C-alpha atoms as a PDB file:
ATOM      1  CA  MET A   1     -31.467   4.374  27.700  1.00  0.00           C
ATOM      2  CA  VAL A   2     -32.423   2.419  30.157  1.00  0.00           C
ATOM      3  CA  GLN A   3     -34.022   3.711  33.183  1.00  0.00           C
ATOM      4  CA  LYS A   4     -35.076   3.283  36.166  1.00  0.00           C
ATOM      5  CA  ASN A   5     -37.314   5.805  38.103  1.00  0.00           C
ATOM      6  CA  ASN A   6     -36.855   8.442  35.443  1.00  0.00           C
ATOM      7  CA  VAL A   7     -32.811   7.795  36.810  1.00  0.00           C
ATOM      8  CA  SER A   8     -30.041   6.691  34.069  1.00  0.00           C
ATOM      9  CA  VAL A   9     -28.912   3.605  34.719  1.00  0.00           C
ATOM     10  CA  ASN A  10     -25.380   4.877  34.649  1.00  0.00           C
ATOM     11  CA  GLN A  11     -26.336   7.071  38.166  1.00  0.00           C
ATOM     12  CA  LEU A  12     -27.307   3.338  40.181  1.00  0.00           C
ATOM     13  CA  GLN A  13     -25.362   2.262  42.862  1.00  0.00           C
ATOM     14  CA  ASP A  14     -23.951  -1.363  42.309  1.00  0.00           C
ATOM     15  CA  HIS A  15     -26.680  -2.975  44.492  1.00  0.00           C
ATOM     16  CA  GLU A  16     -29.157  -0.877  42.321  1.00  0.00           C
ATOM     17  CA  LEU A  17     -28.174  -2.176  39.278  1.00  0.00           C
ATOM     18  CA  LEU A  18     -28.409  -5.833  40.367  1.00  0.00           C
ATOM     19  CA  GLN A  19     -31.677  -5.004  41.775  1.00  0.00           C
ATOM     20  CA  ALA A  20     -32.863  -3.638  38.322  1.00  0.00           C
ATOM     21  CA  TYR A  21     -31.508  -6.946  37.200  1.00  0.00           C
ATOM     22  CA  PHE A  22     -33.351  -9.435  39.079  1.00  0.00           C
ATOM     23  CA  GLN A  23     -36.469  -7.182  38.698  1.00  0.00           C
ATOM     24  CA  SER A  24     -36.448  -7.836  35.397  1.00  0.00           C
ATOM     25  CA  LYS A  25     -36.372 -11.627  36.257  1.00  0.00           C
ATOM     26  CA  GLN A  26     -39.645 -11.070  38.037  1.00  0.00           C
ATOM     27  CA  LEU A  27     -38.475 -12.345  41.228  1.00  0.00           C
ATOM     28  CA  THR A  28     -40.751 -11.263  44.338  1.00  0.00           C
ATOM     29  CA  ALA A  29     -38.678  -8.295  46.565  1.00  0.00           C
ATOM     30  CA  THR A  30     -37.265 -10.784  48.895  1.00  0.00           C
ATOM     31  CA  ALA A  31     -35.887 -13.087  46.345  1.00  0.00           C
ATOM     32  CA  GLN A  32     -34.498  -9.779  45.076  1.00  0.00           C
ATOM     33  CA  GLU A  33     -32.391  -9.338  47.825  1.00  0.00           C
ATOM     34  CA  GLN A  34     -31.642 -12.915  48.627  1.00  0.00           C
ATOM     35  CA  GLU A  35     -29.791 -12.364  45.420  1.00  0.00           C
ATOM     36  CA  ILE A  36     -28.393  -9.684  46.073  1.00  0.00           C
ATOM     37  CA  SER A  37     -26.564 -10.485  49.191  1.00  0.00           C
ATOM     38  CA  SER A  38     -25.637 -13.887  47.885  1.00  0.00           C
ATOM     39  CA  PHE A  39     -23.821 -12.003  45.244  1.00  0.00           C
ATOM     40  CA  PHE A  40     -21.881  -9.480  47.530  1.00  0.00           C
ATOM     41  CA  ALA A  41     -21.457 -12.551  49.983  1.00  0.00           C
ATOM     42  CA  LYS A  42     -19.385 -14.274  47.307  1.00  0.00           C
ATOM     43  CA  PHE A  43     -17.515 -11.841  45.502  1.00  0.00           C
ATOM     44  CA  LYS A  44     -17.660  -8.414  48.199  1.00  0.00           C
ATOM     45  CA  THR A  45     -17.013  -6.361  45.329  1.00  0.00           C
ATOM     46  CA  LEU A  46     -17.910  -6.211  41.213  1.00  0.00           C
ATOM     47  CA  GLU A  47     -14.234  -5.719  41.450  1.00  0.00           C
ATOM     48  CA  GLY A  48     -13.884  -9.525  43.098  1.00  0.00           C
ATOM     49  CA  PHE A  49     -16.349 -10.795  40.942  1.00  0.00           C
ATOM     50  CA  LYS A  50     -13.787  -9.634  37.624  1.00  0.00           C
ATOM     51  CA  HIS A  51     -11.239 -11.638  39.150  1.00  0.00           C
ATOM     52  CA  ALA A  52     -12.892 -14.608  40.188  1.00  0.00           C
ATOM     53  CA  SER A  53     -12.107 -18.013  39.539  1.00  0.00           C
ATOM     54  CA  ARG A  54     -13.923 -20.299  36.950  1.00  0.00           C
ATOM     55  CA  GLU A  55     -14.488 -22.667  39.918  1.00  0.00           C
ATOM     56  CA  CYS A  56     -15.839 -19.457  42.374  1.00  0.00           C
ATOM     57  CA  LEU A  57     -18.504 -18.784  39.075  1.00  0.00           C
ATOM     58  CA  ASP A  58     -19.200 -22.320  38.955  1.00  0.00           C
ATOM     59  CA  GLU A  59     -19.734 -22.734  42.624  1.00  0.00           C
ATOM     60  CA  TYR A  60     -22.135 -19.299  42.517  1.00  0.00           C
ATOM     61  CA  VAL A  61     -23.957 -20.685  39.491  1.00  0.00           C
ATOM     62  CA  THR A  62     -24.893 -24.155  40.973  1.00  0.00           C
ATOM     63  CA  ALA A  63     -26.846 -22.559  43.644  1.00  0.00           C
ATOM     64  CA  ASN A  64     -29.723 -20.778  40.906  1.00  0.00           C
ATOM     65  CA  GLN A  65     -28.450 -21.654  37.930  1.00  0.00           C
ATOM     66  CA  ALA A  66     -31.810 -20.217  35.724  1.00  0.00           C
ATOM     67  CA  ILE A  67     -30.723 -16.868  37.885  1.00  0.00           C
ATOM     68  CA  ARG A  68     -27.764 -16.616  37.783  1.00  0.00           C
ATOM     69  CA  GLN A  69     -26.305 -17.962  34.385  1.00  0.00           C
ATOM     70  CA  SER A  70     -28.189 -15.341  32.615  1.00  0.00           C
ATOM     71  CA  LEU A  71     -26.783 -12.649  35.212  1.00  0.00           C
ATOM     72  CA  LEU A  72     -23.450 -13.967  34.214  1.00  0.00           C
ATOM     73  CA  ALA A  73     -24.202 -13.925  30.534  1.00  0.00           C
ATOM     74  CA  ALA A  74     -25.510 -10.018  31.359  1.00  0.00           C
ATOM     75  CA  ILE A  75     -22.537  -9.312  32.012  1.00  0.00           C
ATOM     76  CA  GLU A  76     -20.187 -10.845  29.993  1.00  0.00           C
ATOM     77  CA  LEU A  77     -22.141  -8.869  26.940  1.00  0.00           C
ATOM     78  CA  GLY A  78     -21.765  -5.740  29.110  1.00  0.00           C
ATOM     79  CA  GLN A  79     -17.687  -6.552  28.711  1.00  0.00           C
ATOM     80  CA  ARG A  80     -17.892  -7.190  25.656  1.00  0.00           C
ATOM     81  CA  VAL A  81     -19.733  -4.210  24.337  1.00  0.00           C
ATOM     82  CA  ALA A  82     -16.857  -2.163  26.811  1.00  0.00           C
ATOM     83  CA  ARG A  83     -14.333  -3.627  24.398  1.00  0.00           C
ATOM     84  CA  ALA A  84     -16.106  -3.492  21.004  1.00  0.00           C
ATOM     85  CA  MET A  85     -14.123  -2.248  18.473  1.00  0.00           C
ATOM     86  CA  PRO A  86     -15.695  -0.012  15.537  1.00  0.00           C
ATOM     87  CA  LYS A  87     -15.795  -2.053  12.126  1.00  0.00           C
ATOM     88  CA  ILE A  88     -13.206  -0.966   9.598  1.00  0.00           C
ATOM     89  CA  GLN A  89     -15.316   0.158   6.479  1.00  0.00           C
ATOM     90  CA  GLY A  90     -11.762   0.792   4.341  1.00  0.00           C
ATOM     91  CA  ARG A  91      -8.637   2.400   4.770  1.00  0.00           C
ATOM     92  CA  VAL A  92      -7.944   6.007   2.956  1.00  0.00           C
ATOM     93  CA  LEU A  93      -4.766   5.569   0.481  1.00  0.00           C
ATOM     94  CA  GLY A  94      -5.211   8.765  -1.458  1.00  0.00           C
ATOM     95  CA  SER A  95      -7.594  11.108  -2.658  1.00  0.00           C
ATOM     96  CA  GLN A  96      -7.346  10.332  -6.218  1.00  0.00           C
ATOM     97  CA  SER A  97      -8.844   6.893  -5.042  1.00  0.00           C
ATOM     98  CA  PHE A  98     -11.386   8.224  -2.357  1.00  0.00           C
ATOM     99  CA  GLY A  99     -12.263  10.776  -4.872  1.00  0.00           C
ATOM    100  CA  ASN A 100     -13.446   7.754  -7.263  1.00  0.00           C
ATOM    101  CA  GLU A 101     -14.764   5.218  -4.860  1.00  0.00           C
ATOM    102  CA  LEU A 102     -16.936   9.056  -3.874  1.00  0.00           C
ATOM    103  CA  VAL A 103     -17.982   9.436  -7.871  1.00  0.00           C
ATOM    104  CA  THR A 104     -19.201   6.060  -7.576  1.00  0.00           C
ATOM    105  CA  SER A 105     -21.069   6.053  -4.604  1.00  0.00           C
ATOM    106  CA  MET A 106     -22.709   9.496  -4.877  1.00  0.00           C
ATOM    107  CA  ARG A 107     -23.595  10.009  -8.605  1.00  0.00           C
ATOM    108  CA  GLY A 108     -26.754   8.690  -8.519  1.00  0.00           C
ATOM    109  CA  LEU A 109     -28.162  10.994  -5.588  1.00  0.00           C
ATOM    110  CA  GLU A 110     -31.185  13.282  -5.935  1.00  0.00           C
ATOM    111  CA  GLN A 111     -30.468  15.224  -3.181  1.00  0.00           C
ATOM    112  CA  GLU A 112     -27.474  17.071  -2.275  1.00  0.00           C
ATOM    113  CA  GLN A 113     -26.145  15.349   0.945  1.00  0.00           C
ATOM    114  CA  LEU A 114     -23.156  15.501   3.222  1.00  0.00           C
ATOM    115  CA  TRP A 115     -21.194  12.647   4.522  1.00  0.00           C
ATOM    116  CA  LEU A 116     -18.846  12.637   7.067  1.00  0.00           C
ATOM    117  CA  PHE A 117     -15.722   9.579   7.242  1.00  0.00           C
ATOM    118  CA  SER A 118     -14.044   9.128  10.767  1.00  0.00           C
ATOM    119  CA  LEU A 119     -10.360   7.777  10.562  1.00  0.00           C
ATOM    120  CA  ASP A 120      -8.047   6.266  12.671  1.00  0.00           C
ATOM    121  CA  THR A 121      -4.484   6.796  13.151  1.00  0.00           C
ATOM    122  CA  ARG A 122      -3.794   4.832  10.552  1.00  0.00           C
ATOM    123  CA  HIS A 123      -6.371   6.491   7.946  1.00  0.00           C
ATOM    124  CA  GLN A 124      -8.746   3.282   8.294  1.00  0.00           C
ATOM    125  CA  ILE A 125     -12.296   4.176   8.172  1.00  0.00           C
ATOM    126  CA  VAL A 126     -14.415   3.515  11.374  1.00  0.00           C
ATOM    127  CA  ALA A 127     -17.507   5.325  10.529  1.00  0.00           C
ATOM    128  CA  THR A 128     -19.778   6.889   7.816  1.00  0.00           C
ATOM    129  CA  ASP A 129     -22.380   9.244   8.710  1.00  0.00           C
ATOM    130  CA  VAL A 130     -25.111  11.412   6.581  1.00  0.00           C
ATOM    131  CA  ILE A 131     -24.616  14.591   8.416  1.00  0.00           C
ATOM    132  CA  HIS A 132     -27.152  16.140   6.059  1.00  0.00           C
ATOM    133  CA  ILE A 133     -29.234  15.930   3.416  1.00  0.00           C
ATOM    134  CA  GLY A 134     -31.117  18.838   1.407  1.00  0.00           C
ATOM    135  CA  SER A 135     -28.817  21.819   0.164  1.00  0.00           C
ATOM    136  CA  LEU A 136     -26.095  23.156   1.980  1.00  0.00           C
ATOM    137  CA  ARG A 137     -27.316  26.805   0.883  1.00  0.00           C
ATOM    138  CA  THR A 138     -30.373  26.930   2.502  1.00  0.00           C
ATOM    139  CA  CYS A 139     -29.587  24.644   5.360  1.00  0.00           C
ATOM    140  CA  PRO A 140     -25.997  24.684   6.254  1.00  0.00           C
ATOM    141  CA  PHE A 141     -24.869  21.873   8.514  1.00  0.00           C
ATOM    142  CA  HIS A 142     -24.047  22.614  12.087  1.00  0.00           C
ATOM    143  CA  ILE A 143     -20.067  22.197  12.892  1.00  0.00           C
ATOM    144  CA  ARG A 144     -20.952  20.705  16.239  1.00  0.00           C
ATOM    145  CA  ASP A 145     -22.747  17.701  14.540  1.00  0.00           C
ATOM    146  CA  ILE A 146     -19.655  17.159  12.852  1.00  0.00           C
ATOM    147  CA  ILE A 147     -17.201  17.368  16.035  1.00  0.00           C
ATOM    148  CA  ARG A 148     -19.527  15.569  18.090  1.00  0.00           C
ATOM    149  CA  LYS A 149     -19.693  12.509  15.668  1.00  0.00           C
ATOM    150  CA  ALA A 150     -15.691  12.588  15.398  1.00  0.00           C
ATOM    151  CA  LEU A 151     -15.513  12.722  18.581  1.00  0.00           C
ATOM    152  CA  LYS A 152     -18.016   9.632  19.411  1.00  0.00           C
ATOM    153  CA  TYR A 153     -16.028   7.557  17.576  1.00  0.00           C
ATOM    154  CA  ASN A 154     -12.164   9.062  19.133  1.00  0.00           C
ATOM    155  CA  ALA A 155     -11.608   9.804  15.282  1.00  0.00           C
ATOM    156  CA  GLN A 156      -8.083  11.201  14.705  1.00  0.00           C
ATOM    157  CA  SER A 157      -8.799  12.459  11.435  1.00  0.00           C
ATOM    158  CA  ILE A 158     -12.095  13.258   9.178  1.00  0.00           C
ATOM    159  CA  ILE A 159     -12.635  13.488   5.724  1.00  0.00           C
ATOM    160  CA  LEU A 160     -16.458  15.407   4.218  1.00  0.00           C
ATOM    161  CA  ALA A 161     -17.806  14.603   1.059  1.00  0.00           C
ATOM    162  CA  HIS A 162     -21.233  16.090  -0.286  1.00  0.00           C
ATOM    163  CA  ASN A 163     -22.579  16.012  -3.777  1.00  0.00           C
ATOM    164  CA  HIS A 164     -24.048  18.454  -6.625  1.00  0.00           C
ATOM    165  CA  PRO A 165     -26.892  16.528  -8.107  1.00  0.00           C
ATOM    166  CA  SER A 166     -26.584  19.453 -10.839  1.00  0.00           C
ATOM    167  CA  GLY A 167     -23.696  16.874 -11.610  1.00  0.00           C
ATOM    168  CA  GLN A 168     -20.812  19.786 -11.524  1.00  0.00           C
ATOM    169  CA  ALA A 169     -18.160  19.190  -8.916  1.00  0.00           C
ATOM    170  CA  GLU A 170     -16.577  22.597  -9.269  1.00  0.00           C
ATOM    171  CA  ALA A 171     -16.370  24.223  -5.229  1.00  0.00           C
ATOM    172  CA  SER A 172     -18.625  27.125  -4.418  1.00  0.00           C
ATOM    173  CA  ALA A 173     -17.422  30.348  -2.365  1.00  0.00           C
ATOM    174  CA  ASN A 174     -19.855  28.526   0.349  1.00  0.00           C
ATOM    175  CA  ASP A 175     -18.498  25.162   0.155  1.00  0.00           C
ATOM    176  CA  MET A 176     -14.750  26.699   0.353  1.00  0.00           C
ATOM    177  CA  ARG A 177     -15.721  28.708   3.673  1.00  0.00           C
ATOM    178  CA  LEU A 178     -17.720  25.862   5.633  1.00  0.00           C
ATOM    179  CA  SER A 179     -14.935  23.384   4.612  1.00  0.00           C
ATOM    180  CA  LYS A 180     -11.567  26.129   6.078  1.00  0.00           C
ATOM    181  CA  GLU A 181     -14.249  26.601   9.419  1.00  0.00           C
ATOM    182  CA  MET A 182     -14.665  23.218   9.600  1.00  0.00           C
ATOM    183  CA  ALA A 183     -10.781  22.497   9.223  1.00  0.00           C
ATOM    184  CA  LYS A 184     -10.212  25.137  12.298  1.00  0.00           C
ATOM    185  CA  ALA A 185     -13.117  23.980  14.565  1.00  0.00           C
ATOM    186  CA  ALA A 186     -11.702  20.278  14.373  1.00  0.00           C
ATOM    187  CA  ASP A 187      -8.171  21.688  15.158  1.00  0.00           C
ATOM    188  CA  VAL A 188      -9.712  23.019  18.176  1.00  0.00           C
ATOM    189  CA  PHE A 189     -10.142  19.120  19.055  1.00  0.00           C
ATOM    190  CA  GLU A 190      -6.904  17.991  17.625  1.00  0.00           C
ATOM    191  CA  ILE A 191      -8.678  16.795  14.726  1.00  0.00           C
ATOM    192  CA  ALA A 192      -7.130  17.006  11.551  1.00  0.00           C
ATOM    193  CA  LEU A 193      -9.543  17.718   8.497  1.00  0.00           C
ATOM    194  CA  LEU A 194      -7.968  15.457   5.542  1.00  0.00           C
ATOM    195  CA  ASP A 195     -10.126  16.749   2.774  1.00  0.00           C
ATOM    196  CA  SER A 196     -12.923  18.031   1.308  1.00  0.00           C
ATOM    197  CA  PHE A 197     -14.188  16.805  -1.897  1.00  0.00           C
ATOM    198  CA  ILE A 198     -17.233  18.151  -4.338  1.00  0.00           C
ATOM    199  CA  VAL A 199     -19.092  14.885  -5.763  1.00  0.00           C
ATOM    200  CA  GLY A 200     -20.241  15.590  -9.551  1.00  0.00           C
ATOM    201  CA  ALA A 201     -21.718  13.183 -12.114  1.00  0.00           C
ATOM    202  CA  ASP A 202     -18.310  12.015 -13.417  1.00  0.00           C
ATOM    203  CA  ASP A 203     -15.423  13.577 -11.368  1.00  0.00           C
ATOM    204  CA  TYR A 204     -14.577  15.457  -8.333  1.00  0.00           C
ATOM    205  CA  THR A 205     -13.379  18.375  -6.396  1.00  0.00           C
ATOM    206  CA  SER A 206     -10.505  17.632  -3.277  1.00  0.00           C
ATOM    207  CA  LEU A 207     -10.534  21.134  -1.652  1.00  0.00           C
ATOM    208  CA  ARG A 208      -6.853  19.628  -0.495  1.00  0.00           C
ATOM    209  CA  GLU A 209      -5.405  18.855  -3.636  1.00  0.00           C
ATOM    210  CA  ASP A 210      -6.608  22.566  -4.881  1.00  0.00           C
ATOM    211  CA  GLY A 211      -4.724  24.122  -2.146  1.00  0.00           C
ATOM    212  CA  ALA A 212      -7.742  25.457  -0.505  1.00  0.00           C
ATOM    213  CA  PHE A 213      -6.553  24.437   3.104  1.00  0.00           C
ATOM    214  CA  THR A 214      -3.038  25.975   2.485  1.00  0.00           C
ATOM    215  CA  THR A 215      -3.633  29.524   4.098  1.00  0.00           C
ATOM    216  CA  PHE A 216      -5.161  27.228   7.507  1.00  0.00           C
ATOM    217  CA  ASP A 217      -2.063  25.153   7.389  1.00  0.00           C
ATOM    218  CA  GLU A 218       0.822  27.865   7.211  1.00  0.00           C
ATOM    219  CA  LEU A 219      -1.135  29.228  10.289  1.00  0.00           C
ATOM    220  CA  LYS A 220      -1.240  26.668  12.052  1.00  0.00           C
ATOM    221  CA  THR A 221       2.820  26.211  11.177  1.00  0.00           C
ATOM    222  CA  LEU A 222       3.077  29.296  12.047  1.00  0.00           C
ATOM    223  CA  GLU A 223       1.304  29.492  15.543  1.00  0.00           C
ATOM    224  CA  ALA A 224       3.103  26.124  16.292  1.00  0.00           C
ATOM    225  CA  ASN A 225       6.553  27.897  16.104  1.00  0.00           C
ATOM    226  CA  MET A 226       5.818  30.747  17.912  1.00  0.00           C
ATOM    227  CA  LYS A 227       4.910  28.095  20.842  1.00  0.00           C
ATOM    228  CA  LEU A 228       8.159  26.904  20.523  1.00  0.00           C
ATOM    229  CA  LYS A 229      10.325  30.286  21.172  1.00  0.00           C
END
């Protein structure tokens, strides 16, 4: 994150942000103040700039085109970043098709890896992250790391997947425990753990298909019913 005098840019006042921009253009202190004054004289506030007409913007730029055209470009870039939507990486239509895709993607990995898939309300994958590389037995993943990633992408649901380099896709007791703990933690943030996959050399195990989450789902239903009473 860009900083000015060790202060995060999101803590700067509007005029300080403009000053930081004009400083980057190597303007003198006097020229910086003149540009800041001209900006607010023309638009009054950032809200005024936001709703300014094309003609008003053209008039502003014409007075100092080299500097002000690039300012408008920087502002437009910031607006596009704010509007940017995550690129859809695919859609999860079912555990069988997704499990088979995971086998193709993970079967050649030499080390155990834990992958996180963040999904939107339509079960479209908006992000894929490698959460951990190495044995999950000797160095368990941190649930908070997964929650942090899911919240970053505003995920409505998530899927976990990890491979067994041995080639066996059977779920261990540790796999079951960590997946259930993850389901409970995600539920606190209203994020659903759709499934947790264990991937072998030629096949996979879906804990959802195997009913590993049944007890947790039943408890959620019971709690919901109790709240309605």
